[in-house]
Amino acid sequence: MASGTPSKSKIVNDVLTTEGNLSVNEEVLGTGAFTATLTWGSEPDVDLHVFEPSGAHIYYRNFQGAGYLDVDDTTSYGPEHYYLPCDNIEAGTYRIGANYYEGEGSETARIVLKTEEETLTRTQSFSSAIGSDGDASPSILFEVTIEGNEEDGYKYTVD
């Protein structure tokens, strides 16, 4: 197609118009050695909790340790999202769970755990909200044990 022809101009304009009309999700979730994403049904607030090998407790009051809680939804059905960057891996066990913080009635939480090798989903039913009393002892759905080091590589075990 020759430069400056009506066909080329129309195609370029159509492409630019289409590109401008695309909706983009501004919320980009972090990625890494593994991720954990929490969603739930209808009640306002279930919280994702991760206990890292160092003893750090990552949740709505502490967004960063070796990993990050980069999304914390308090008004709808999630997601809440944790990721462990590959350059921050700590060997040891990561305990991943949920606490039904606020709402009326029962609720079911779903955590999707993604590693390089697999994607696993587990659910937890709650009969009622626990509030901040559940922060120290959320229901644990996954334990991810990482062995090894950066030089020799890492091995993941999920329980």
Protein backbone atom coordinates (compact mmCIF):
# COMPACT_ATOMS: atom_id res chain seq x y z
CA MET A 1 0.00 0.00 0.00
CA ALA A 2 1.52 3.30 -1.06
CA SER A 3 2.20 5.98 1.50
CA GLY A 4 -0.49 8.65 1.60
CA THR A 5 -3.17 6.57 -0.14
CA PRO A 6 -6.75 6.84 1.13
CA SER A 7 -6.78 3.14 2.13
CA LYS A 8 -3.70 3.50 4.31
CA SER A 9 -5.05 6.64 5.97
CA LYS A 10 -8.37 4.93 6.72
CA ILE A 11 -6.68 1.87 8.21
CA VAL A 12 -4.36 3.98 10.38
CA ASN A 13 -7.28 6.12 11.59
CA ASP A 14 -9.40 3.03 12.34
CA VAL A 15 -6.56 1.42 14.29
CA LEU A 16 -5.96 4.58 16.32
CA THR A 17 -9.68 4.97 17.03
CA THR A 18 -10.00 1.35 18.12
CA GLU A 19 -6.90 1.60 20.31
CA GLY A 20 -8.28 4.74 21.96
CA ASN A 21 -11.58 3.00 22.74
CA LEU A 22 -10.02 -0.02 24.43
CA SER A 23 -10.63 -0.19 28.15
CA VAL A 24 -7.57 -1.08 30.17
CA ASN A 25 -7.62 -2.55 33.65
CA GLU A 26 -5.51 -0.11 35.63
CA GLU A 27 -5.04 -2.61 38.43
CA VAL A 28 -2.07 -4.78 37.49
CA LEU A 29 -1.31 -7.56 39.92
CA GLY A 30 2.28 -8.27 40.90
CA THR A 31 3.94 -11.52 39.87
CA GLY A 32 6.84 -13.53 41.23
CA ALA A 33 7.91 -16.88 42.66
CA PHE A 34 4.31 -17.45 43.73
CA THR A 35 1.10 -15.48 44.09
CA ALA A 36 -1.98 -15.89 46.26
CA THR A 37 -5.28 -14.28 45.25
CA LEU A 38 -8.29 -14.16 47.57
CA THR A 39 -11.88 -13.66 46.40
CA TRP A 40 -15.17 -14.18 48.18
CA GLY A 41 -18.94 -14.11 47.65
CA SER A 42 -21.21 -11.34 48.86
CA GLU A 43 -20.11 -9.94 52.19
CA PRO A 44 -17.97 -6.81 52.47
CA ASP A 45 -14.60 -7.88 53.83
CA VAL A 46 -12.50 -11.01 53.95
CA ASP A 47 -8.77 -10.51 54.45
CA LEU A 48 -5.76 -12.33 53.02
CA HIS A 49 -2.99 -13.16 55.51
CA VAL A 50 0.51 -14.47 54.76
CA PHE A 51 2.98 -15.50 57.45
CA GLU A 52 6.50 -15.48 55.99
CA PRO A 53 9.50 -17.55 57.17
CA SER A 54 11.09 -14.45 58.74
CA GLY A 55 8.08 -14.07 61.01
CA ALA A 56 6.60 -11.17 59.04
CA HIS A 57 2.80 -11.13 58.95
CA ILE A 58 1.58 -9.59 55.69
CA TYR A 59 -2.03 -8.36 55.75
CA TYR A 60 -4.06 -5.14 55.68
CA ARG A 61 -2.00 -3.53 58.47
CA ASN A 62 1.39 -4.58 57.06
CA PHE A 63 1.56 -4.60 53.27
CA GLN A 64 5.23 -5.53 52.85
CA GLY A 65 7.72 -8.16 53.97
CA ALA A 66 9.69 -10.29 51.53
CA GLY A 67 6.44 -10.29 49.55
CA TYR A 68 3.76 -7.68 49.02
CA LEU A 69 0.03 -7.33 49.54
CA ASP A 70 -0.54 -5.16 46.49
CA VAL A 71 -4.36 -5.24 46.45
CA ASP A 72 -6.57 -4.97 49.57
CA ASP A 73 -10.30 -4.81 48.78
CA THR A 74 -12.50 -3.75 51.71
CA THR A 75 -15.81 -3.01 49.98
CA SER A 76 -16.65 -5.79 47.52
CA TYR A 77 -15.67 -9.37 46.63
CA GLY A 78 -11.95 -9.03 46.11
CA PRO A 79 -9.44 -9.60 44.96
CA GLU A 80 -6.82 -9.34 47.60
CA HIS A 81 -3.45 -10.31 46.20
CA TYR A 82 -0.02 -11.27 47.57
CA TYR A 83 3.09 -11.89 45.52
CA LEU A 84 6.65 -12.92 46.37
CA PRO A 85 9.18 -11.36 43.95
CA CYS A 86 11.80 -13.82 42.70
CA ASP A 87 14.62 -11.65 44.04
CA ASN A 88 13.12 -11.65 47.57
CA ILE A 89 12.68 -15.39 48.14
CA GLU A 90 13.29 -16.54 51.71
CA ALA A 91 13.69 -20.28 52.25
CA GLY A 92 11.17 -21.66 54.74
CA THR A 93 7.40 -22.00 55.05
CA TYR A 94 4.86 -19.40 53.94
CA ARG A 95 1.45 -19.89 55.59
CA ILE A 96 -1.43 -18.43 53.58
CA GLY A 97 -4.92 -17.95 54.95
CA ALA A 98 -8.06 -15.87 55.25
CA ASN A 99 -10.03 -14.11 57.98
CA TYR A 100 -13.69 -13.13 57.61
CA TYR A 101 -13.26 -9.62 58.97
CA GLU A 102 -16.65 -7.97 58.48
CA GLY A 103 -20.08 -8.91 57.16
CA GLU A 104 -23.47 -10.42 57.97
CA GLY A 105 -24.10 -14.15 57.74
CA SER A 106 -21.91 -16.89 56.36
CA GLU A 107 -19.23 -16.45 53.70
CA THR A 108 -16.95 -18.60 51.54
CA ALA A 109 -13.42 -17.47 50.77
CA ARG A 110 -11.44 -18.78 47.80
CA ILE A 111 -7.66 -18.56 47.49
CA VAL A 112 -5.92 -19.32 44.20
CA LEU A 113 -2.22 -20.11 44.62
CA LYS A 114 -0.03 -19.92 41.52
CA THR A 115 3.53 -21.14 41.24
CA GLU A 116 5.57 -21.64 38.10
CA GLU A 117 4.49 -25.29 38.01
CA GLU A 118 0.86 -25.28 39.14
CA THR A 119 -2.31 -23.41 40.01
CA LEU A 120 -4.27 -24.63 43.03
CA THR A 121 -7.59 -23.43 44.45
CA ARG A 122 -8.92 -23.99 47.96
CA THR A 123 -11.99 -22.67 49.74
CA GLN A 124 -12.89 -21.97 53.35
CA SER A 125 -16.42 -21.52 54.68
CA PHE A 126 -17.03 -19.14 57.57
CA SER A 127 -20.24 -19.12 59.63
CA SER A 128 -19.83 -15.51 60.78
CA ALA A 129 -17.44 -12.57 60.76
CA ILE A 130 -14.65 -12.64 63.36
CA GLY A 131 -13.29 -9.10 63.03
CA SER A 132 -9.76 -8.22 64.09
CA ASP A 133 -9.81 -11.07 66.64
CA GLY A 134 -9.12 -13.39 63.69
CA ASP A 135 -6.06 -11.49 62.46
CA ALA A 136 -3.60 -13.46 64.61
CA SER A 137 -5.08 -16.83 63.70
CA PRO A 138 -6.71 -16.80 60.25
CA SER A 139 -7.84 -20.05 58.65
CA ILE A 140 -4.75 -21.39 56.86
CA LEU A 141 -5.50 -22.80 53.40
CA PHE A 142 -1.96 -23.29 52.06
CA GLU A 143 1.55 -23.88 53.35
CA VAL A 144 4.24 -23.27 50.74
CA THR A 145 7.67 -24.55 51.76
CA ILE A 146 10.63 -23.28 49.77
CA GLU A 147 14.00 -25.02 50.04
CA GLY A 148 17.28 -24.11 48.40
CA ASN A 149 19.02 -20.87 47.50
CA GLU A 150 19.45 -18.44 44.64
CA GLU A 151 22.69 -20.03 43.45
CA ASP A 152 21.52 -23.67 43.38
CA GLY A 153 17.83 -23.04 42.75
CA TYR A 154 14.65 -23.46 44.76
CA LYS A 155 12.25 -26.33 45.32
CA TYR A 156 8.61 -25.64 46.23
CA THR A 157 6.31 -27.93 48.18
CA VAL A 158 2.65 -27.00 48.66
CA ASP A 159 0.58 -28.49 51.47
